[in-house]
Amino acid sequence: MDWMNAPIAWLEWTGLHMSPWKLIGLTGALMFGGRWLIQFIASRQAGKPVIPRVFWYMSLIGSVMTLSYFIFSQKQDAVGVVQNLFPAFTAAYSLYLDIRHRGWQRDRNAL
């Protein structure tokens, strides 16, 4: 998978040296961070603190994407692995509990 660590050719003219793995890692980090914006919007609409289910999906997907970057890219950073491993398990378990407690159709009219 050496091509996953090579710079993306069509981005070279911009001066950005972005590999596919780095793109996956950045997308995961943006998704993991963006979940707070979703939570803020949902809480503002409800007028009270709420955590919509999409928050847990974004947590899980963002953690797994960032975790895969730290495991499979040239970076292979143990700190990044540990930093993203525990949130991935927590998000997966919280999503499981949310689905088990409220069913699949919970956020049909929400975000």
C-alpha atoms as a PDB file:
ATOM      1  CA  MET A   1       0.000   0.000   0.000  1.00  0.00           C
ATOM      2  CA  ASP A   2       2.843   2.360  -0.746  1.00  0.00           C
ATOM      3  CA  TRP A   3       0.632   4.414  -3.082  1.00  0.00           C
ATOM      4  CA  MET A   4      -1.492   5.375  -0.059  1.00  0.00           C
ATOM      5  CA  ASN A   5       1.527   7.204   1.386  1.00  0.00           C
ATOM      6  CA  ALA A   6       2.532   8.898  -1.879  1.00  0.00           C
ATOM      7  CA  PRO A   7       1.463  12.511  -2.502  1.00  0.00           C
ATOM      8  CA  ILE A   8      -1.724  12.992  -4.514  1.00  0.00           C
ATOM      9  CA  ALA A   9      -0.488  14.250  -7.895  1.00  0.00           C
ATOM     10  CA  TRP A  10      -3.359  16.601  -8.716  1.00  0.00           C
ATOM     11  CA  LEU A  11      -2.767  18.537  -5.467  1.00  0.00           C
ATOM     12  CA  GLU A  12       0.943  19.143  -6.055  1.00  0.00           C
ATOM     13  CA  TRP A  13       0.366  22.422  -7.935  1.00  0.00           C
ATOM     14  CA  THR A  14      -1.168  23.870  -4.752  1.00  0.00           C
ATOM     15  CA  GLY A  15       1.940  23.159  -2.703  1.00  0.00           C
ATOM     16  CA  LEU A  16      -0.011  20.751  -0.516  1.00  0.00           C
ATOM     17  CA  HIS A  17       1.675  17.401  -0.011  1.00  0.00           C
ATOM     18  CA  MET A  18      -1.368  15.319   0.783  1.00  0.00           C
ATOM     19  CA  SER A  19      -1.338  11.524   0.662  1.00  0.00           C
ATOM     20  CA  PRO A  20      -4.531   9.439   0.613  1.00  0.00           C
ATOM     21  CA  TRP A  21      -3.845   8.371   4.212  1.00  0.00           C
ATOM     22  CA  LYS A  22      -3.417  11.979   5.309  1.00  0.00           C
ATOM     23  CA  LEU A  23      -6.674  12.863   3.570  1.00  0.00           C
ATOM     24  CA  ILE A  24      -8.408  10.034   5.461  1.00  0.00           C
ATOM     25  CA  GLY A  25      -6.877  11.203   8.747  1.00  0.00           C
ATOM     26  CA  LEU A  26      -7.854  14.838   8.211  1.00  0.00           C
ATOM     27  CA  THR A  27     -11.390  13.883   7.181  1.00  0.00           C
ATOM     28  CA  GLY A  28     -11.692  11.761  10.328  1.00  0.00           C
ATOM     29  CA  ALA A  29     -10.396  14.585  12.514  1.00  0.00           C
ATOM     30  CA  LEU A  30     -12.829  17.053  10.917  1.00  0.00           C
ATOM     31  CA  MET A  31     -15.704  14.612  11.394  1.00  0.00           C
ATOM     32  CA  PHE A  32     -14.731  13.947  15.016  1.00  0.00           C
ATOM     33  CA  GLY A  33     -14.482  17.673  15.729  1.00  0.00           C
ATOM     34  CA  GLY A  34     -17.582  18.551  13.701  1.00  0.00           C
ATOM     35  CA  ARG A  35     -19.765  16.404  15.896  1.00  0.00           C
ATOM     36  CA  TRP A  36     -19.701  19.212  18.474  1.00  0.00           C
ATOM     37  CA  LEU A  37     -21.249  21.592  15.952  1.00  0.00           C
ATOM     38  CA  ILE A  38     -24.052  19.068  15.374  1.00  0.00           C
ATOM     39  CA  GLN A  39     -24.553  18.725  19.138  1.00  0.00           C
ATOM     40  CA  PHE A  40     -24.615  22.520  19.545  1.00  0.00           C
ATOM     41  CA  ILE A  41     -27.229  22.943  16.802  1.00  0.00           C
ATOM     42  CA  ALA A  42     -29.424  20.142  18.190  1.00  0.00           C
ATOM     43  CA  SER A  43     -29.216  21.536  21.735  1.00  0.00           C
ATOM     44  CA  ARG A  44     -29.991  25.045  20.531  1.00  0.00           C
ATOM     45  CA  GLN A  45     -33.057  23.790  18.637  1.00  0.00           C
ATOM     46  CA  ALA A  46     -34.271  21.789  21.631  1.00  0.00           C
ATOM     47  CA  GLY A  47     -33.497  24.501  24.171  1.00  0.00           C
ATOM     48  CA  LYS A  48     -31.720  21.961  26.365  1.00  0.00           C
ATOM     49  CA  PRO A  49     -28.616  19.771  26.161  1.00  0.00           C
ATOM     50  CA  VAL A  50     -29.214  16.862  23.774  1.00  0.00           C
ATOM     51  CA  ILE A  51     -26.959  14.450  21.950  1.00  0.00           C
ATOM     52  CA  PRO A  52     -28.450  13.375  18.616  1.00  0.00           C
ATOM     53  CA  ARG A  53     -27.594   9.942  17.284  1.00  0.00           C
ATOM     54  CA  VAL A  54     -25.595  11.451  14.429  1.00  0.00           C
ATOM     55  CA  PHE A  55     -23.169  12.653  17.127  1.00  0.00           C
ATOM     56  CA  TRP A  56     -22.303   9.029  17.926  1.00  0.00           C
ATOM     57  CA  TYR A  57     -22.054   8.080  14.239  1.00  0.00           C
ATOM     58  CA  MET A  58     -19.671  10.982  13.613  1.00  0.00           C
ATOM     59  CA  SER A  59     -17.679  10.029  16.730  1.00  0.00           C
ATOM     60  CA  LEU A  60     -17.322   6.424  15.638  1.00  0.00           C
ATOM     61  CA  ILE A  61     -16.542   7.106  11.978  1.00  0.00           C
ATOM     62  CA  GLY A  62     -14.168   9.968  12.801  1.00  0.00           C
ATOM     63  CA  SER A  63     -12.322   7.893  15.393  1.00  0.00           C
ATOM     64  CA  VAL A  64     -11.985   4.889  13.080  1.00  0.00           C
ATOM     65  CA  MET A  65     -10.759   7.035  10.186  1.00  0.00           C
ATOM     66  CA  THR A  66      -8.194   8.819  12.348  1.00  0.00           C
ATOM     67  CA  LEU A  67      -7.203   5.552  14.001  1.00  0.00           C
ATOM     68  CA  SER A  68      -6.626   3.942  10.608  1.00  0.00           C
ATOM     69  CA  TYR A  69      -4.411   6.882   9.635  1.00  0.00           C
ATOM     70  CA  PHE A  70      -2.221   6.405  12.709  1.00  0.00           C
ATOM     71  CA  ILE A  71      -2.051   2.628  12.244  1.00  0.00           C
ATOM     72  CA  PHE A  72      -1.630   2.203   8.480  1.00  0.00           C
ATOM     73  CA  SER A  73       0.106   5.349   7.231  1.00  0.00           C
ATOM     74  CA  GLN A  74       3.807   6.038   7.444  1.00  0.00           C
ATOM     75  CA  LYS A  75       3.024   8.014  10.606  1.00  0.00           C
ATOM     76  CA  GLN A  76       2.395   4.896  12.737  1.00  0.00           C
ATOM     77  CA  ASP A  77       2.204   6.953  15.920  1.00  0.00           C
ATOM     78  CA  ALA A  78       1.364   5.061  19.128  1.00  0.00           C
ATOM     79  CA  VAL A  79       0.097   8.251  20.794  1.00  0.00           C
ATOM     80  CA  GLY A  80      -2.404   8.782  17.965  1.00  0.00           C
ATOM     81  CA  VAL A  81      -3.514   5.159  18.181  1.00  0.00           C
ATOM     82  CA  VAL A  82      -4.193   5.358  21.913  1.00  0.00           C
ATOM     83  CA  GLN A  83      -5.802   8.791  21.530  1.00  0.00           C
ATOM     84  CA  ASN A  84      -8.336   7.420  19.022  1.00  0.00           C
ATOM     85  CA  LEU A  85      -8.782   3.843  20.200  1.00  0.00           C
ATOM     86  CA  PHE A  86     -10.682   4.605  23.404  1.00  0.00           C
ATOM     87  CA  PRO A  87     -13.092   7.158  21.851  1.00  0.00           C
ATOM     88  CA  ALA A  88     -13.905   4.625  19.117  1.00  0.00           C
ATOM     89  CA  PHE A  89     -14.947   2.011  21.692  1.00  0.00           C
ATOM     90  CA  THR A  90     -16.857   4.581  23.732  1.00  0.00           C
ATOM     91  CA  ALA A  91     -18.719   5.870  20.679  1.00  0.00           C
ATOM     92  CA  ALA A  92     -19.549   2.346  19.497  1.00  0.00           C
ATOM     93  CA  TYR A  93     -20.885   1.393  22.920  1.00  0.00           C
ATOM     94  CA  SER A  94     -22.864   4.637  23.287  1.00  0.00           C
ATOM     95  CA  LEU A  95     -24.366   4.141  19.832  1.00  0.00           C
ATOM     96  CA  TYR A  96     -25.295   0.564  20.752  1.00  0.00           C
ATOM     97  CA  LEU A  97     -26.972   1.755  23.959  1.00  0.00           C
ATOM     98  CA  ASP A  98     -28.806   4.549  22.157  1.00  0.00           C
ATOM     99  CA  ILE A  99     -30.188   2.170  19.519  1.00  0.00           C
ATOM    100  CA  ARG A 100     -31.091  -0.446  22.138  1.00  0.00           C
ATOM    101  CA  HIS A 101     -32.778   2.096  24.403  1.00  0.00           C
ATOM    102  CA  ARG A 102     -34.591   4.250  21.845  1.00  0.00           C
ATOM    103  CA  GLY A 103     -34.810   2.050  18.766  1.00  0.00           C
ATOM    104  CA  TRP A 104     -33.704   2.734  15.187  1.00  0.00           C
ATOM    105  CA  GLN A 105     -36.181   5.535  14.417  1.00  0.00           C
ATOM    106  CA  ARG A 106     -35.230   7.919  17.241  1.00  0.00           C
ATOM    107  CA  ASP A 107     -33.899  10.871  15.225  1.00  0.00           C
ATOM    108  CA  ARG A 108     -36.226  10.616  12.268  1.00  0.00           C
ATOM    109  CA  ASN A 109     -37.253  14.307  12.514  1.00  0.00           C
ATOM    110  CA  ALA A 110     -34.041  15.623  14.030  1.00  0.00           C
ATOM    111  CA  LEU A 111     -30.647  16.236  12.492  1.00  0.00           C
END
